[in-house]
Amino acid sequence: MKTKHLKTDDFLTTSQLAAILGLSRIAIYKKIKKGEIKAIKIGRMYVIPKSYVSEVFGYSLSPSRKKIIEKAVRKVMQEYGEVIIKLGNE
């Protein structure tokens, strides 16, 4: 695949995918190396096709959707955090 024909809008960087998934960049790199995430190596960096992310998750996570999810998680943790932590320790 020739890089001059790639459109940057069609890909996510490892940092962008990490932010979307709530993981570290290192975790993303490890998943790429294990083959858990399909990525294309360009020079020394990896990019992940947005079509792959859409395929895996069923849709693209926009920043507004991510904020909605984060708000819901905070609310659940605020209301049920102690119970969740206790269940996690069992």
PDB file of N, CA and C in Angstrom:
ATOM      1  N   MET A   1       0.852  -1.172   0.000  1.00  0.00           N
ATOM      2  CA  MET A   1       0.000   0.000   0.000  1.00  0.00           C
ATOM      3  C   MET A   1       0.896   1.233   0.000  1.00  0.00           C
ATOM      4  N   LYS A   2       0.658   2.135  -0.905  1.00  0.00           N
ATOM      5  CA  LYS A   2       1.460   3.357  -0.982  1.00  0.00           C
ATOM      6  C   LYS A   2       0.884   4.407  -0.059  1.00  0.00           C
ATOM      7  N   THR A   3       1.749   5.003   0.746  1.00  0.00           N
ATOM      8  CA  THR A   3       1.281   5.956   1.742  1.00  0.00           C
ATOM      9  C   THR A   3       0.798   7.257   1.142  1.00  0.00           C
ATOM     10  N   LYS A   4       1.251   7.617  -0.046  1.00  0.00           N
ATOM     11  CA  LYS A   4       0.819   8.895  -0.603  1.00  0.00           C
ATOM     12  C   LYS A   4      -0.658   8.895  -0.981  1.00  0.00           C
ATOM     13  N   HIS A   5      -1.268   7.723  -1.062  1.00  0.00           N
ATOM     14  CA  HIS A   5      -2.688   7.635  -1.405  1.00  0.00           C
ATOM     15  C   HIS A   5      -3.581   7.493  -0.175  1.00  0.00           C
ATOM     16  N   LEU A   6      -2.986   7.424   0.992  1.00  0.00           N
ATOM     17  CA  LEU A   6      -3.775   7.286   2.212  1.00  0.00           C
ATOM     18  C   LEU A   6      -4.343   8.636   2.625  1.00  0.00           C
ATOM     19  N   LYS A   7      -5.588   8.627   3.043  1.00  0.00           N
ATOM     20  CA  LYS A   7      -6.219   9.835   3.561  1.00  0.00           C
ATOM     21  C   LYS A   7      -6.157   9.769   5.088  1.00  0.00           C
ATOM     22  N   THR A   8      -5.639  10.799   5.709  1.00  0.00           N
ATOM     23  CA  THR A   8      -5.498  10.781   7.166  1.00  0.00           C
ATOM     24  C   THR A   8      -6.849  10.720   7.868  1.00  0.00           C
ATOM     25  N   ASP A   9      -7.906  11.180   7.221  1.00  0.00           N
ATOM     26  CA  ASP A   9      -9.248  11.137   7.823  1.00  0.00           C
ATOM     27  C   ASP A   9      -9.771   9.707   7.962  1.00  0.00           C
ATOM     28  N   ASP A  10      -9.154   8.770   7.257  1.00  0.00           N
ATOM     29  CA  ASP A  10      -9.613   7.381   7.279  1.00  0.00           C
ATOM     30  C   ASP A  10      -8.956   6.547   8.374  1.00  0.00           C
ATOM     31  N   PHE A  11      -8.048   7.154   9.150  1.00  0.00           N
ATOM     32  CA  PHE A  11      -7.270   6.408  10.122  1.00  0.00           C
ATOM     33  C   PHE A  11      -7.246   7.092  11.480  1.00  0.00           C
ATOM     34  N   LEU A  12      -6.990   6.290  12.509  1.00  0.00           N
ATOM     35  CA  LEU A  12      -6.764   6.796  13.861  1.00  0.00           C
ATOM     36  C   LEU A  12      -5.320   6.500  14.240  1.00  0.00           C
ATOM     37  N   THR A  13      -4.723   7.376  14.997  1.00  0.00           N
ATOM     38  CA  THR A  13      -3.406   7.093  15.546  1.00  0.00           C
ATOM     39  C   THR A  13      -3.579   6.209  16.771  1.00  0.00           C
ATOM     40  N   THR A  14      -2.490   5.662  17.251  1.00  0.00           N
ATOM     41  CA  THR A  14      -2.564   4.843  18.456  1.00  0.00           C
ATOM     42  C   THR A  14      -3.032   5.686  19.644  1.00  0.00           C
ATOM     43  N   SER A  15      -2.619   6.950  19.688  1.00  0.00           N
ATOM     44  CA  SER A  15      -3.058   7.844  20.775  1.00  0.00           C
ATOM     45  C   SER A  15      -4.554   8.100  20.711  1.00  0.00           C
ATOM     46  N   GLN A  16      -5.079   8.319  19.519  1.00  0.00           N
ATOM     47  CA  GLN A  16      -6.514   8.570  19.367  1.00  0.00           C
ATOM     48  C   GLN A  16      -7.323   7.342  19.770  1.00  0.00           C
ATOM     49  N   LEU A  17      -6.883   6.160  19.336  1.00  0.00           N
ATOM     50  CA  LEU A  17      -7.605   4.937  19.694  1.00  0.00           C
ATOM     51  C   LEU A  17      -7.520   4.687  21.194  1.00  0.00           C
ATOM     52  N   ALA A  18      -6.359   4.968  21.778  1.00  0.00           N
ATOM     53  CA  ALA A  18      -6.204   4.807  23.231  1.00  0.00           C
ATOM     54  C   ALA A  18      -7.190   5.696  23.978  1.00  0.00           C
ATOM     55  N   ALA A  19      -7.337   6.934  23.525  1.00  0.00           N
ATOM     56  CA  ALA A  19      -8.274   7.855  24.177  1.00  0.00           C
ATOM     57  C   ALA A  19      -9.715   7.361  24.038  1.00  0.00           C
ATOM     58  N   ILE A  20     -10.062   6.855  22.879  1.00  0.00           N
ATOM     59  CA  ILE A  20     -11.416   6.355  22.644  1.00  0.00           C
ATOM     60  C   ILE A  20     -11.718   5.155  23.538  1.00  0.00           C
ATOM     61  N   LEU A  21     -10.744   4.256  23.647  1.00  0.00           N
ATOM     62  CA  LEU A  21     -10.962   3.028  24.413  1.00  0.00           C
ATOM     63  C   LEU A  21     -10.659   3.179  25.900  1.00  0.00           C
ATOM     64  N   GLY A  22     -10.080   4.304  26.270  1.00  0.00           N
ATOM     65  CA  GLY A  22      -9.733   4.510  27.668  1.00  0.00           C
ATOM     66  C   GLY A  22      -8.545   3.660  28.096  1.00  0.00           C
ATOM     67  N   LEU A  23      -7.636   3.399  27.176  1.00  0.00           N
ATOM     68  CA  LEU A  23      -6.442   2.607  27.446  1.00  0.00           C
ATOM     69  C   LEU A  23      -5.204   3.480  27.246  1.00  0.00           C
ATOM     70  N   SER A  24      -4.060   2.960  27.639  1.00  0.00           N
ATOM     71  CA  SER A  24      -2.803   3.673  27.383  1.00  0.00           C
ATOM     72  C   SER A  24      -2.316   3.351  25.973  1.00  0.00           C
ATOM     73  N   ARG A  25      -1.432   4.201  25.462  1.00  0.00           N
ATOM     74  CA  ARG A  25      -0.834   3.926  24.151  1.00  0.00           C
ATOM     75  C   ARG A  25      -0.057   2.617  24.189  1.00  0.00           C
ATOM     76  N   ILE A  26       0.603   2.347  25.307  1.00  0.00           N
ATOM     77  CA  ILE A  26       1.378   1.114  25.442  1.00  0.00           C
ATOM     78  C   ILE A  26       0.459  -0.098  25.325  1.00  0.00           C
ATOM     79  N   ALA A  27      -0.714  -0.036  25.953  1.00  0.00           N
ATOM     80  CA  ALA A  27      -1.684  -1.137  25.860  1.00  0.00           C
ATOM     81  C   ALA A  27      -2.117  -1.349  24.409  1.00  0.00           C
ATOM     82  N   ILE A  28      -2.308  -0.253  23.677  1.00  0.00           N
ATOM     83  CA  ILE A  28      -2.682  -0.353  22.260  1.00  0.00           C
ATOM     84  C   ILE A  28      -1.559  -1.020  21.472  1.00  0.00           C
ATOM     85  N   TYR A  29      -0.306  -0.582  21.699  1.00  0.00           N
ATOM     86  CA  TYR A  29       0.834  -1.203  21.010  1.00  0.00           C
ATOM     87  C   TYR A  29       0.912  -2.697  21.299  1.00  0.00           C
ATOM     88  N   LYS A  30       0.703  -3.079  22.546  1.00  0.00           N
ATOM     89  CA  LYS A  30       0.747  -4.497  22.910  1.00  0.00           C
ATOM     90  C   LYS A  30      -0.335  -5.282  22.180  1.00  0.00           C
ATOM     91  N   LYS A  31      -1.538  -4.706  22.087  1.00  0.00           N
ATOM     92  CA  LYS A  31      -2.632  -5.372  21.393  1.00  0.00           C
ATOM     93  C   LYS A  31      -2.343  -5.486  19.889  1.00  0.00           C
ATOM     94  N   ILE A  32      -1.677  -4.482  19.328  1.00  0.00           N
ATOM     95  CA  ILE A  32      -1.287  -4.539  17.911  1.00  0.00           C
ATOM     96  C   ILE A  32      -0.266  -5.662  17.717  1.00  0.00           C
ATOM     97  N   LYS A  33       0.732  -5.719  18.584  1.00  0.00           N
ATOM     98  CA  LYS A  33       1.778  -6.748  18.473  1.00  0.00           C
ATOM     99  C   LYS A  33       1.196  -8.155  18.625  1.00  0.00           C
ATOM    100  N   LYS A  34       0.177  -8.315  19.494  1.00  0.00           N
ATOM    101  CA  LYS A  34      -0.461  -9.619  19.700  1.00  0.00           C
ATOM    102  C   LYS A  34      -1.433  -9.962  18.574  1.00  0.00           C
ATOM    103  N   GLY A  35      -1.744  -8.983  17.709  1.00  0.00           N
ATOM    104  CA  GLY A  35      -2.689  -9.218  16.628  1.00  0.00           C
ATOM    105  C   GLY A  35      -4.133  -8.994  17.036  1.00  0.00           C
ATOM    106  N   GLU A  36      -4.356  -8.440  18.222  1.00  0.00           N
ATOM    107  CA  GLU A  36      -5.712  -8.184  18.695  1.00  0.00           C
ATOM    108  C   GLU A  36      -6.322  -6.953  18.031  1.00  0.00           C
ATOM    109  N   ILE A  37      -5.484  -6.050  17.572  1.00  0.00           N
ATOM    110  CA  ILE A  37      -5.931  -4.858  16.853  1.00  0.00           C
ATOM    111  C   ILE A  37      -5.211  -4.834  15.514  1.00  0.00           C
ATOM    112  N   LYS A  38      -5.977  -4.699  14.445  1.00  0.00           N
ATOM    113  CA  LYS A  38      -5.392  -4.611  13.108  1.00  0.00           C
ATOM    114  C   LYS A  38      -4.883  -3.197  12.889  1.00  0.00           C
ATOM    115  N   ALA A  39      -3.626  -3.086  12.491  1.00  0.00           N
ATOM    116  CA  ALA A  39      -3.031  -1.773  12.263  1.00  0.00           C
ATOM    117  C   ALA A  39      -2.090  -1.844  11.065  1.00  0.00           C
ATOM    118  N   ILE A  40      -1.814  -0.692  10.513  1.00  0.00           N
ATOM    119  CA  ILE A  40      -0.891  -0.567   9.385  1.00  0.00           C
ATOM    120  C   ILE A  40       0.322   0.199   9.886  1.00  0.00           C
ATOM    121  N   LYS A  41       1.494  -0.343   9.611  1.00  0.00           N
ATOM    122  CA  LYS A  41       2.722   0.330  10.027  1.00  0.00           C
ATOM    123  C   LYS A  41       3.189   1.247   8.902  1.00  0.00           C
ATOM    124  N   ILE A  42       3.361   2.504   9.250  1.00  0.00           N
ATOM    125  CA  ILE A  42       3.861   3.492   8.300  1.00  0.00           C
ATOM    126  C   ILE A  42       5.117   4.078   8.918  1.00  0.00           C
ATOM    127  N   GLY A  43       6.245   3.722   8.364  1.00  0.00           N
ATOM    128  CA  GLY A  43       7.503   4.164   8.959  1.00  0.00           C
ATOM    129  C   GLY A  43       7.652   3.534  10.323  1.00  0.00           C
ATOM    130  N   ARG A  44       7.741   4.373  11.352  1.00  0.00           N
ATOM    131  CA  ARG A  44       7.887   3.887  12.726  1.00  0.00           C
ATOM    132  C   ARG A  44       6.582   3.938  13.510  1.00  0.00           C
ATOM    133  N   MET A  45       5.503   4.370  12.870  1.00  0.00           N
ATOM    134  CA  MET A  45       4.242   4.484  13.602  1.00  0.00           C
ATOM    135  C   MET A  45       3.169   3.572  13.017  1.00  0.00           C
ATOM    136  N   TYR A  46       2.173   3.309  13.836  1.00  0.00           N
ATOM    137  CA  TYR A  46       1.033   2.505  13.421  1.00  0.00           C
ATOM    138  C   TYR A  46      -0.195   3.400  13.303  1.00  0.00           C
ATOM    139  N   VAL A  47      -1.058   3.067  12.341  1.00  0.00           N
ATOM    140  CA  VAL A  47      -2.363   3.711  12.219  1.00  0.00           C
ATOM    141  C   VAL A  47      -3.403   2.608  12.134  1.00  0.00           C
ATOM    142  N   ILE A  48      -4.589   2.921  12.622  1.00  0.00           N
ATOM    143  CA  ILE A  48      -5.675   1.955  12.653  1.00  0.00           C
ATOM    144  C   ILE A  48      -6.793   2.473  11.758  1.00  0.00           C
ATOM    145  N   PRO A  49      -7.208   1.684  10.764  1.00  0.00           N
ATOM    146  CA  PRO A  49      -8.294   2.128   9.890  1.00  0.00           C
ATOM    147  C   PRO A  49      -9.583   2.362  10.673  1.00  0.00           C
ATOM    148  N   LYS A  50     -10.229   3.489  10.430  1.00  0.00           N
ATOM    149  CA  LYS A  50     -11.496   3.775  11.105  1.00  0.00           C
ATOM    150  C   LYS A  50     -12.540   2.725  10.755  1.00  0.00           C
ATOM    151  N   SER A  51     -12.460   2.185   9.548  1.00  0.00           N
ATOM    152  CA  SER A  51     -13.416   1.150   9.139  1.00  0.00           C
ATOM    153  C   SER A  51     -13.287  -0.076  10.042  1.00  0.00           C
ATOM    154  N   TYR A  52     -12.061  -0.386  10.481  1.00  0.00           N
ATOM    155  CA  TYR A  52     -11.848  -1.514  11.400  1.00  0.00           C
ATOM    156  C   TYR A  52     -12.483  -1.225  12.754  1.00  0.00           C
ATOM    157  N   VAL A  53     -12.308  -0.013  13.245  1.00  0.00           N
ATOM    158  CA  VAL A  53     -12.894   0.370  14.532  1.00  0.00           C
ATOM    159  C   VAL A  53     -14.414   0.289  14.441  1.00  0.00           C
ATOM    160  N   SER A  54     -14.979   0.788  13.346  1.00  0.00           N
ATOM    161  CA  SER A  54     -16.428   0.724  13.152  1.00  0.00           C
ATOM    162  C   SER A  54     -16.901  -0.722  13.087  1.00  0.00           C
ATOM    163  N   GLU A  55     -16.126  -1.564  12.420  1.00  0.00           N
ATOM    164  CA  GLU A  55     -16.474  -2.976  12.279  1.00  0.00           C
ATOM    165  C   GLU A  55     -16.466  -3.677  13.638  1.00  0.00           C
ATOM    166  N   VAL A  56     -15.465  -3.395  14.441  1.00  0.00           N
ATOM    167  CA  VAL A  56     -15.333  -4.055  15.739  1.00  0.00           C
ATOM    168  C   VAL A  56     -16.382  -3.566  16.731  1.00  0.00           C
ATOM    169  N   PHE A  57     -16.615  -2.251  16.770  1.00  0.00           N
ATOM    170  CA  PHE A  57     -17.525  -1.689  17.757  1.00  0.00           C
ATOM    171  C   PHE A  57     -18.932  -1.474  17.216  1.00  0.00           C
ATOM    172  N   GLY A  58     -19.140  -1.661  15.939  1.00  0.00           N
ATOM    173  CA  GLY A  58     -20.461  -1.479  15.358  1.00  0.00           C
ATOM    174  C   GLY A  58     -20.750  -0.044  14.975  1.00  0.00           C
ATOM    175  N   TYR A  59     -19.944   0.870  15.443  1.00  0.00           N
ATOM    176  CA  TYR A  59     -20.077   2.287  15.096  1.00  0.00           C
ATOM    177  C   TYR A  59     -18.821   3.003  15.570  1.00  0.00           C
ATOM    178  N   SER A  60     -18.650   4.212  15.099  1.00  0.00           N
ATOM    179  CA  SER A  60     -17.515   5.013  15.537  1.00  0.00           C
ATOM    180  C   SER A  60     -17.886   5.751  16.822  1.00  0.00           C
ATOM    181  N   LEU A  61     -16.961   5.801  17.744  1.00  0.00           N
ATOM    182  CA  LEU A  61     -17.196   6.559  18.969  1.00  0.00           C
ATOM    183  C   LEU A  61     -16.779   8.002  18.735  1.00  0.00           C
ATOM    184  N   SER A  62     -17.753   8.855  18.657  1.00  0.00           N
ATOM    185  CA  SER A  62     -17.457  10.273  18.508  1.00  0.00           C
ATOM    186  C   SER A  62     -17.135  10.847  19.883  1.00  0.00           C
ATOM    187  N   PRO A  63     -16.488  11.992  19.932  1.00  0.00           N
ATOM    188  CA  PRO A  63     -16.202  12.605  21.230  1.00  0.00           C
ATOM    189  C   PRO A  63     -17.465  12.825  22.066  1.00  0.00           C
ATOM    190  N   SER A  64     -18.573  13.178  21.423  1.00  0.00           N
ATOM    191  CA  SER A  64     -19.806  13.410  22.190  1.00  0.00           C
ATOM    192  C   SER A  64     -20.350  12.099  22.766  1.00  0.00           C
ATOM    193  N   ARG A  65     -20.253  11.002  22.016  1.00  0.00           N
ATOM    194  CA  ARG A  65     -20.692   9.700  22.540  1.00  0.00           C
ATOM    195  C   ARG A  65     -19.797   9.260  23.689  1.00  0.00           C
ATOM    196  N   LYS A  66     -18.500   9.508  23.545  1.00  0.00           N
ATOM    197  CA  LYS A  66     -17.566   9.134  24.606  1.00  0.00           C
ATOM    198  C   LYS A  66     -17.893   9.901  25.891  1.00  0.00           C
ATOM    199  N   LYS A  67     -18.243  11.188  25.781  1.00  0.00           N
ATOM    200  CA  LYS A  67     -18.588  11.986  26.957  1.00  0.00           C
ATOM    201  C   LYS A  67     -19.837  11.441  27.634  1.00  0.00           C
ATOM    202  N   ILE A  68     -20.803  11.004  26.844  1.00  0.00           N
ATOM    203  CA  ILE A  68     -22.037  10.423  27.395  1.00  0.00           C
ATOM    204  C   ILE A  68     -21.715   9.157  28.183  1.00  0.00           C
ATOM    205  N   ILE A  69     -20.845   8.314  27.624  1.00  0.00           N
ATOM    206  CA  ILE A  69     -20.457   7.075  28.298  1.00  0.00           C
ATOM    207  C   ILE A  69     -19.705   7.391  29.585  1.00  0.00           C
ATOM    208  N   GLU A  70     -18.759   8.336  29.523  1.00  0.00           N
ATOM    209  CA  GLU A  70     -17.991   8.709  30.707  1.00  0.00           C
ATOM    210  C   GLU A  70     -18.910   9.257  31.807  1.00  0.00           C
ATOM    211  N   LYS A  71     -19.901  10.056  31.436  1.00  0.00           N
ATOM    212  CA  LYS A  71     -20.844  10.609  32.405  1.00  0.00           C
ATOM    213  C   LYS A  71     -21.646   9.483  33.066  1.00  0.00           C
ATOM    214  N   ALA A  72     -22.072   8.515  32.270  1.00  0.00           N
ATOM    215  CA  ALA A  72     -22.842   7.396  32.809  1.00  0.00           C
ATOM    216  C   ALA A  72     -21.999   6.560  33.764  1.00  0.00           C
ATOM    217  N   VAL A  73     -20.746   6.324  33.403  1.00  0.00           N
ATOM    218  CA  VAL A  73     -19.859   5.548  34.270  1.00  0.00           C
ATOM    219  C   VAL A  73     -19.634   6.277  35.588  1.00  0.00           C
ATOM    220  N   ARG A  74     -19.403   7.594  35.526  1.00  0.00           N
ATOM    221  CA  ARG A  74     -19.213   8.375  36.759  1.00  0.00           C
ATOM    222  C   ARG A  74     -20.445   8.291  37.658  1.00  0.00           C
ATOM    223  N   LYS A  75     -21.638   8.379  37.060  1.00  0.00           N
ATOM    224  CA  LYS A  75     -22.874   8.323  37.831  1.00  0.00           C
ATOM    225  C   LYS A  75     -23.035   6.960  38.503  1.00  0.00           C
ATOM    226  N   VAL A  76     -22.766   5.896  37.751  1.00  0.00           N
ATOM    227  CA  VAL A  76     -22.871   4.546  38.314  1.00  0.00           C
ATOM    228  C   VAL A  76     -21.871   4.368  39.451  1.00  0.00           C
ATOM    229  N   MET A  77     -20.641   4.831  39.244  1.00  0.00           N
ATOM    230  CA  MET A  77     -19.621   4.696  40.287  1.00  0.00           C
ATOM    231  C   MET A  77     -19.973   5.522  41.519  1.00  0.00           C
ATOM    232  N   GLN A  78     -20.579   6.672  41.311  1.00  0.00           N
ATOM    233  CA  GLN A  78     -20.974   7.514  42.437  1.00  0.00           C
ATOM    234  C   GLN A  78     -22.061   6.821  43.251  1.00  0.00           C
ATOM    235  N   GLU A  79     -23.024   6.219  42.573  1.00  0.00           N
ATOM    236  CA  GLU A  79     -24.145   5.598  43.258  1.00  0.00           C
ATOM    237  C   GLU A  79     -23.858   4.187  43.765  1.00  0.00           C
ATOM    238  N   TYR A  80     -23.074   3.418  43.000  1.00  0.00           N
ATOM    239  CA  TYR A  80     -22.868   2.009  43.319  1.00  0.00           C
ATOM    240  C   TYR A  80     -21.403   1.625  43.455  1.00  0.00           C
ATOM    241  N   GLY A  81     -20.523   2.605  43.553  1.00  0.00           N
ATOM    242  CA  GLY A  81     -19.092   2.345  43.578  1.00  0.00           C
ATOM    243  C   GLY A  81     -18.651   1.380  44.652  1.00  0.00           C
ATOM    244  N   GLU A  82     -19.150   1.546  45.872  1.00  0.00           N
ATOM    245  CA  GLU A  82     -18.750   0.668  46.975  1.00  0.00           C
ATOM    246  C   GLU A  82     -19.153  -0.776  46.692  1.00  0.00           C
ATOM    247  N   VAL A  83     -20.349  -0.974  46.167  1.00  0.00           N
ATOM    248  CA  VAL A  83     -20.831  -2.329  45.862  1.00  0.00           C
ATOM    249  C   VAL A  83     -19.980  -2.951  44.757  1.00  0.00           C
ATOM    250  N   ILE A  84     -19.681  -2.171  43.735  1.00  0.00           N
ATOM    251  CA  ILE A  84     -18.872  -2.679  42.612  1.00  0.00           C
ATOM    252  C   ILE A  84     -17.487  -3.078  43.096  1.00  0.00           C
ATOM    253  N   ILE A  85     -16.895  -2.254  43.945  1.00  0.00           N
ATOM    254  CA  ILE A  85     -15.568  -2.551  44.476  1.00  0.00           C
ATOM    255  C   ILE A  85     -15.611  -3.823  45.324  1.00  0.00           C
ATOM    256  N   LYS A  86     -16.641  -3.963  46.168  1.00  0.00           N
ATOM    257  CA  LYS A  86     -16.770  -5.171  46.996  1.00  0.00           C
ATOM    258  C   LYS A  86     -16.961  -6.413  46.123  1.00  0.00           C
ATOM    259  N   LEU A  87     -17.769  -6.301  45.085  1.00  0.00           N
ATOM    260  CA  LEU A  87     -17.983  -7.436  44.184  1.00  0.00           C
ATOM    261  C   LEU A  87     -16.690  -7.795  43.461  1.00  0.00           C
ATOM    262  N   GLY A  88     -15.899  -6.790  43.117  1.00  0.00           N
ATOM    263  CA  GLY A  88     -14.628  -7.030  42.435  1.00  0.00           C
ATOM    264  C   GLY A  88     -13.615  -7.738  43.312  1.00  0.00           C
ATOM    265  N   ASN A  89     -13.754  -7.586  44.630  1.00  0.00           N
ATOM    266  CA  ASN A  89     -12.822  -8.227  45.552  1.00  0.00           C
ATOM    267  C   ASN A  89     -13.213  -9.652  45.897  1.00  0.00           C
ATOM    268  N   GLU A  90     -14.401 -10.084  45.494  1.00  0.00           N
ATOM    269  CA  GLU A  90     -14.846 -11.451  45.816  1.00  0.00           C
ATOM    270  C   GLU A  90     -14.322 -12.440  44.821  1.00  0.00           C
TER     271      GLU A  90
END
